[in-house]
Amino acid sequence: MKVAFALLLLWLSQMIAPAQSPLDRLERIELFGHSYVRLGDWARTYHFQVTWPPQSKEVCLTNRLNSLVLTIDSRKAEINHVTVWLSVPVAQHHGLVYLSPLDLKSMIHPVFYPPKTAGGAKIKTICLDPGHGGKDPGNQGGRAQEKYCTLLLAKEVRSLLNKAGFKVLLTRNTDRFVEKLDRPDFANRYRADLFVSLHYNSTEGGGNEAKGVETYCLTPPSARSTNTRGEAGDTRLAAGNIQDTRNALLAYRIQKTLINKLPLEDRGVKRARFAVLRTATMPAVLIECGFMSDPAEAKQIVDPAFRTRTAKAIVEGLLAYKRLVEQ
């Protein structure tokens, strides 16, 4: 019932048209099966300077406060030196560059122009979700299992958040199995203000060719995910899409502090329709805090001192988000 109610709210918000923004007034152009706006039009409207060296695939946009680096024919971008993955590739056509309004609305604008909480609401309760548990061990690095590592990290984050004055919920406090959909349902039931799912990564087959940290938020409706595992082409609206702009900002702020505070590769803010994100009706993210399949990162993951550093970075990201969105 709560999921259905969230979907109804989202539908109503789309039916009641808000005041048209400058972005909405920019001309839409259909190219390569996608809707675009001219990058130059957007830059002039929002007062960005454009730098595009001849023969270069990289387009740089800057103003007094922000920077944006786009790569033509790619979904990879950089916002204020943090990697983000767009839903639609940046396009070039007849000497002009085009950017998807979907990406502007759901990824770029939330970072540059943070959305505020409704009615001046304050962030007081945070639900932490230690990934896996019980019969589901998750990934493995040496003798360490992901389910134990995520629980230890969650308890460390909880301790720091408690000291900062937050109420903290855990979807599991012990080594027990919790169904994926039960995790966001738990956060919904107890009316958490934020939902953070904690995980550690691994490559297919356990190879060590990948490393670094990445933070996921829910894919917008009809858009393509960065990670499509298990989606089977499903691009439908989900309850969690009611928080799309806040999801993006939360993921960005956490990713930013993780890469600034830890010696980990920036794999970026990504999109996915993971089960734990689809039905969370509060802003929600899933963090992959390193690769258990990489020997160096596997050692860091089980190191208590490094775990504390990771927890502090996550909390710093949450506090940065809170400062930006509260009225």
Protein backbone atom coordinates (compact mmCIF):
# COMPACT_ATOMS: atom_id res chain seq x y z
CA MET A 1 0.00 0.00 0.00
CA LYS A 2 2.80 2.43 0.83
CA VAL A 3 4.48 1.80 -2.53
CA ALA A 4 1.19 2.36 -4.33
CA PHE A 5 0.66 5.59 -2.38
CA ALA A 6 4.15 6.82 -3.33
CA LEU A 7 3.43 6.10 -6.98
CA LEU A 8 0.18 8.02 -6.69
CA LEU A 9 2.01 10.99 -5.21
CA LEU A 10 4.55 10.91 -8.02
CA TRP A 11 1.77 10.74 -10.61
CA LEU A 12 -0.04 13.68 -9.00
CA SER A 13 3.15 15.73 -8.93
CA GLN A 14 3.49 15.22 -12.67
CA MET A 15 -0.16 16.06 -13.32
CA ILE A 16 0.05 19.34 -11.40
CA ALA A 17 2.48 21.21 -13.62
CA PRO A 18 5.00 23.35 -11.74
CA ALA A 19 6.07 26.76 -12.97
CA GLN A 20 8.12 26.33 -16.12
CA SER A 21 11.88 26.50 -15.51
CA PRO A 22 14.42 28.05 -17.90
CA LEU A 23 15.47 24.50 -18.82
CA ASP A 24 11.90 23.62 -19.82
CA ARG A 25 11.85 26.56 -22.23
CA LEU A 26 14.90 25.42 -24.18
CA GLU A 27 14.16 23.97 -27.62
CA ARG A 28 14.12 20.15 -27.77
CA ILE A 29 15.81 18.40 -30.70
CA GLU A 30 15.40 14.72 -31.54
CA LEU A 31 18.72 13.08 -32.45
CA PHE A 32 19.77 9.43 -32.61
CA GLY A 33 16.58 8.31 -30.88
CA HIS A 34 16.88 10.71 -27.92
CA SER A 35 15.67 14.15 -26.94
CA TYR A 36 18.39 16.80 -26.58
CA VAL A 37 18.95 20.49 -25.99
CA ARG A 38 21.78 22.48 -27.53
CA LEU A 39 24.60 22.68 -25.02
CA GLY A 40 25.29 26.29 -26.03
CA ASP A 41 21.69 27.28 -25.28
CA TRP A 42 21.86 25.70 -21.84
CA ALA A 43 25.26 27.29 -21.10
CA ARG A 44 24.01 30.79 -21.98
CA THR A 45 20.84 30.32 -19.94
CA TYR A 46 22.72 29.19 -16.85
CA HIS A 47 25.77 31.44 -17.32
CA PHE A 48 28.47 28.88 -18.09
CA GLN A 49 31.54 29.53 -20.21
CA VAL A 50 32.19 26.81 -22.81
CA THR A 51 35.68 25.65 -23.78
CA TRP A 52 35.91 23.19 -26.68
CA PRO A 53 39.40 22.88 -28.17
CA PRO A 54 39.54 21.98 -31.88
CA GLN A 55 39.58 18.22 -32.58
CA SER A 56 38.90 17.49 -28.91
CA LYS A 57 36.15 15.18 -27.67
CA GLU A 58 36.07 16.95 -24.31
CA VAL A 59 33.87 20.00 -23.72
CA CYS A 60 34.46 21.98 -20.52
CA LEU A 61 31.91 24.30 -18.94
CA THR A 62 32.67 26.57 -15.99
CA ASN A 63 31.16 29.39 -14.01
CA ARG A 64 32.09 31.04 -10.72
CA LEU A 65 31.01 28.04 -8.64
CA ASN A 66 30.91 24.91 -10.78
CA SER A 67 32.58 22.94 -13.53
CA LEU A 68 31.24 20.32 -15.91
CA VAL A 69 33.32 18.18 -18.29
CA LEU A 70 31.48 16.27 -21.02
CA THR A 71 32.84 13.77 -23.52
CA ILE A 72 31.19 13.60 -26.93
CA ASP A 73 29.64 10.20 -27.78
CA SER A 74 30.04 9.11 -24.15
CA ARG A 75 27.90 8.88 -21.03
CA LYS A 76 30.86 9.56 -18.76
CA ALA A 77 31.05 13.10 -17.36
CA GLU A 78 32.69 14.98 -14.52
CA ILE A 79 30.95 17.40 -12.16
CA ASN A 80 33.31 19.45 -10.00
CA HIS A 81 36.00 16.76 -10.40
CA VAL A 82 33.68 13.86 -9.50
CA THR A 83 32.83 11.24 -12.13
CA VAL A 84 29.15 10.80 -12.95
CA TRP A 85 27.51 8.57 -15.53
CA LEU A 86 24.75 10.04 -17.66
CA SER A 87 21.71 8.19 -18.96
CA VAL A 88 22.14 9.43 -22.56
CA PRO A 89 25.43 9.97 -24.45
CA VAL A 90 26.48 13.52 -25.22
CA ALA A 91 25.93 14.06 -28.96
CA GLN A 92 27.55 16.10 -31.71
CA HIS A 93 25.62 17.06 -34.84
CA HIS A 94 26.55 19.58 -37.56
CA GLY A 95 29.25 21.14 -35.40
CA LEU A 96 27.08 21.59 -32.29
CA VAL A 97 27.06 19.67 -29.01
CA TYR A 98 23.84 18.37 -27.48
CA LEU A 99 22.98 17.22 -23.96
CA SER A 100 19.95 15.30 -22.77
CA PRO A 101 17.42 17.32 -20.71
CA LEU A 102 16.81 14.11 -18.76
CA ASP A 103 20.42 14.18 -17.54
CA LEU A 104 20.26 17.88 -16.83
CA LYS A 105 17.11 17.46 -14.72
CA SER A 106 18.02 14.22 -12.95
CA MET A 107 21.79 14.48 -12.44
CA ILE A 108 23.44 17.80 -13.30
CA HIS A 109 20.92 20.31 -11.95
CA PRO A 110 20.44 18.50 -8.60
CA VAL A 111 24.17 18.93 -7.95
CA PHE A 112 24.42 22.54 -9.18
CA TYR A 113 21.06 23.66 -7.75
CA PRO A 114 20.28 21.36 -4.77
CA PRO A 115 16.58 20.61 -4.17
CA LYS A 116 15.27 21.54 -0.73
CA THR A 117 13.31 19.32 1.65
CA ALA A 118 9.54 19.81 1.52
CA GLY A 119 8.08 22.15 4.13
CA GLY A 120 11.41 22.74 5.83
CA ALA A 121 11.60 19.13 7.06
CA LYS A 122 14.80 18.13 8.87
CA ILE A 123 16.81 14.96 8.36
CA LYS A 124 16.73 13.12 11.67
CA THR A 125 16.52 9.36 10.99
CA ILE A 126 18.86 7.41 8.71
CA CYS A 127 18.42 3.75 7.80
CA LEU A 128 21.64 1.83 7.13
CA ASP A 129 21.41 -1.41 5.19
CA PRO A 130 24.40 -3.78 5.62
CA GLY A 131 24.30 -5.80 2.41
CA HIS A 132 23.78 -9.59 2.36
CA GLY A 133 23.71 -11.70 5.56
CA GLY A 134 22.88 -15.21 6.76
CA LYS A 135 22.70 -17.66 3.87
CA ASP A 136 23.80 -14.90 1.48
CA PRO A 137 27.52 -14.24 2.13
CA GLY A 138 27.96 -11.79 -0.75
CA ASN A 139 31.41 -11.36 -2.26
CA GLN A 140 34.61 -12.75 -0.76
CA GLY A 141 38.17 -11.48 -0.47
CA GLY A 142 40.56 -14.01 0.98
CA ARG A 143 38.80 -15.35 4.08
CA ALA A 144 36.62 -12.25 4.49
CA GLN A 145 32.96 -12.36 3.48
CA GLU A 146 31.08 -9.28 2.38
CA LYS A 147 28.19 -9.88 4.81
CA TYR A 148 30.50 -9.44 7.82
CA CYS A 149 32.36 -6.48 6.34
CA THR A 150 29.17 -4.54 5.59
CA LEU A 151 27.81 -5.15 9.07
CA LEU A 152 31.02 -3.93 10.69
CA LEU A 153 30.98 -0.83 8.48
CA ALA A 154 27.30 -0.16 9.24
CA LYS A 155 27.93 -0.29 12.99
CA GLU A 156 30.86 2.11 12.60
CA VAL A 157 28.73 4.54 10.56
CA ARG A 158 25.90 4.20 13.09
CA SER A 159 28.21 5.13 15.96
CA LEU A 160 29.39 8.28 14.19
CA LEU A 161 25.85 9.29 13.19
CA ASN A 162 24.60 8.76 16.74
CA LYS A 163 27.33 11.09 18.00
CA ALA A 164 26.19 13.65 15.40
CA GLY A 165 22.65 13.50 16.82
CA PHE A 166 20.89 11.23 14.33
CA LYS A 167 18.57 8.35 15.05
CA VAL A 168 19.93 5.34 13.15
CA LEU A 169 18.12 2.18 12.06
CA LEU A 170 19.83 -0.97 10.78
CA THR A 171 18.04 -3.43 8.50
CA ARG A 172 20.00 -6.14 10.32
CA ASN A 173 22.11 -6.04 13.48
CA THR A 174 23.41 -9.61 13.22
CA ASP A 175 24.40 -12.17 10.62
CA ARG A 176 20.90 -12.93 9.39
CA PHE A 177 19.31 -13.11 5.95
CA VAL A 178 16.97 -10.27 4.95
CA GLU A 179 15.05 -10.29 1.67
CA LYS A 180 16.03 -7.44 -0.65
CA LEU A 181 12.60 -5.84 -0.77
CA ASP A 182 12.22 -6.10 3.00
CA ARG A 183 15.14 -3.72 3.43
CA PRO A 184 13.59 -0.56 1.91
CA ASP A 185 10.21 -1.63 3.28
CA PHE A 186 11.75 -1.51 6.77
CA ALA A 187 12.99 2.04 6.10
CA ASN A 188 9.56 3.05 4.76
CA ARG A 189 7.78 1.53 7.75
CA TYR A 190 9.86 3.46 10.27
CA ARG A 191 9.77 6.64 8.17
CA ALA A 192 13.51 7.03 7.75
CA ASP A 193 14.63 10.25 6.11
CA LEU A 194 17.50 8.59 4.19
CA PHE A 195 18.36 5.02 3.17
CA VAL A 196 21.98 3.93 2.63
CA SER A 197 22.79 0.39 1.49
CA LEU A 198 26.39 -0.68 2.13
CA HIS A 199 28.24 -3.16 -0.07
CA TYR A 200 31.66 -4.24 -1.29
CA ASN A 201 32.28 -5.02 -4.94
CA SER A 202 33.85 -7.82 -6.93
CA THR A 203 34.52 -8.50 -10.58
CA GLU A 204 32.90 -11.35 -12.47
CA GLY A 205 35.01 -14.44 -11.84
CA GLY A 206 36.87 -12.73 -9.00
CA GLY A 207 39.60 -11.13 -11.14
CA ASN A 208 41.56 -8.15 -9.83
CA GLU A 209 41.30 -5.93 -12.93
CA ALA A 210 38.85 -3.49 -11.29
CA LYS A 211 39.17 -1.33 -8.20
CA GLY A 212 37.67 1.76 -6.63
CA VAL A 213 34.44 3.07 -5.16
CA GLU A 214 31.10 3.79 -6.83
CA THR A 215 27.77 5.06 -5.55
CA TYR A 216 24.41 4.15 -7.10
CA CYS A 217 21.07 5.89 -7.16
CA LEU A 218 17.85 4.79 -8.85
CA THR A 219 17.57 5.10 -12.63
CA PRO A 220 14.91 7.59 -13.80
CA PRO A 221 11.84 6.16 -15.59
CA SER A 222 12.42 5.12 -19.22
CA ALA A 223 16.17 5.73 -18.90
CA ARG A 224 19.03 3.32 -19.36
CA SER A 225 20.92 2.19 -16.25
CA THR A 226 24.68 2.22 -15.88
CA ASN A 227 24.37 -1.22 -14.31
CA THR A 228 21.62 -3.30 -15.94
CA ARG A 229 22.12 -6.55 -14.06
CA GLY A 230 18.78 -8.26 -13.58
CA GLU A 231 16.73 -5.51 -15.20
CA ALA A 232 15.80 -7.45 -18.34
CA GLY A 233 14.84 -4.22 -20.09
CA ASP A 234 12.52 -3.02 -17.32
CA THR A 235 12.44 0.79 -17.42
CA ARG A 236 9.14 1.37 -15.63
CA LEU A 237 8.41 4.00 -13.02
CA ALA A 238 9.23 2.89 -9.46
CA ALA A 239 8.17 4.30 -6.11
CA GLY A 240 11.71 5.50 -5.49
CA ASN A 241 11.60 7.76 -8.57
CA ILE A 242 9.64 10.29 -6.53
CA GLN A 243 13.06 11.20 -5.05
CA ASP A 244 15.10 11.25 -8.29
CA THR A 245 16.70 14.67 -7.80
CA ARG A 246 17.52 14.04 -4.12
CA ASN A 247 18.76 10.53 -4.91
CA ALA A 248 21.26 12.01 -7.37
CA LEU A 249 22.45 14.69 -4.97
CA LEU A 250 22.85 12.22 -2.10
CA ALA A 251 24.84 9.81 -4.27
CA TYR A 252 27.04 12.64 -5.54
CA ARG A 253 27.84 14.05 -2.09
CA ILE A 254 28.77 10.62 -0.73
CA GLN A 255 30.88 9.75 -3.77
CA LYS A 256 32.64 13.12 -3.51
CA THR A 257 33.70 12.63 0.10
CA LEU A 258 34.72 9.01 -0.44
CA ILE A 259 37.14 9.88 -3.25
CA ASN A 260 38.41 12.99 -1.45
CA LYS A 261 39.06 11.21 1.85
CA LEU A 262 40.18 7.75 0.71
CA PRO A 263 42.93 6.58 -1.68
CA LEU A 264 40.38 4.88 -3.93
CA GLU A 265 39.73 5.19 -7.64
CA ASP A 266 36.67 7.25 -8.58
CA ARG A 267 34.33 4.90 -10.46
CA GLY A 268 31.60 7.48 -10.31
CA VAL A 269 27.97 8.08 -9.49
CA LYS A 270 26.01 5.44 -11.36
CA ARG A 271 22.39 4.42 -12.00
CA ALA A 272 20.71 1.09 -11.37
CA ARG A 273 17.29 -0.35 -10.62
CA PHE A 274 18.50 -2.43 -7.70
CA ALA A 275 15.68 -3.93 -5.64
CA VAL A 276 16.77 -2.05 -2.52
CA LEU A 277 16.44 1.28 -4.35
CA ARG A 278 13.21 0.78 -6.28
CA THR A 279 10.76 0.93 -3.39
CA ALA A 280 12.52 3.27 -0.97
CA THR A 281 10.30 6.35 -0.75
CA MET A 282 13.01 8.47 0.88
CA PRO A 283 16.29 9.50 -0.83
CA ALA A 284 18.28 6.28 -1.21
CA VAL A 285 21.70 5.15 -2.41
CA LEU A 286 23.77 1.99 -2.62
CA ILE A 287 27.52 2.33 -2.04
CA GLU A 288 30.11 -0.13 -3.33
CA CYS A 289 32.95 0.73 -0.94
CA GLY A 290 35.78 -1.11 -2.73
CA PHE A 291 36.61 -4.36 -4.50
CA MET A 292 37.08 -7.53 -2.50
CA SER A 293 38.47 -9.12 -5.67
CA ASP A 294 41.43 -6.71 -5.65
CA PRO A 295 44.12 -7.92 -3.20
CA ALA A 296 45.15 -4.41 -2.12
CA GLU A 297 41.59 -3.23 -1.55
CA ALA A 298 40.65 -6.51 0.15
CA LYS A 299 43.35 -5.78 2.76
CA GLN A 300 41.97 -2.29 3.30
CA ILE A 301 38.40 -3.56 3.64
CA VAL A 302 39.29 -5.75 6.65
CA ASP A 303 41.57 -3.13 8.24
CA PRO A 304 39.73 -1.52 11.21
CA ALA A 305 41.54 1.80 10.73
CA PHE A 306 40.57 1.99 7.07
CA ARG A 307 37.00 1.00 7.94
CA THR A 308 36.85 3.97 10.29
CA ARG A 309 38.11 6.26 7.54
CA THR A 310 35.44 4.90 5.19
CA ALA A 311 32.72 5.41 7.80
CA LYS A 312 33.85 8.98 8.46
CA ALA A 313 33.78 9.75 4.72
CA ILE A 314 30.23 8.38 4.38
CA VAL A 315 29.06 10.42 7.36
CA GLU A 316 30.72 13.54 5.99
CA GLY A 317 28.84 13.01 2.72
CA LEU A 318 25.55 12.62 4.59
CA LEU A 319 26.18 15.80 6.57
CA ALA A 320 27.04 17.71 3.39
CA TYR A 321 23.77 16.55 1.86
CA LYS A 322 21.83 17.58 4.97
CA ARG A 323 23.33 21.08 4.91
CA LEU A 324 22.42 21.54 1.24
CA VAL A 325 18.81 20.37 1.31
CA GLU A 326 17.48 21.68 4.61
CA GLN A 327 15.71 25.02 4.34
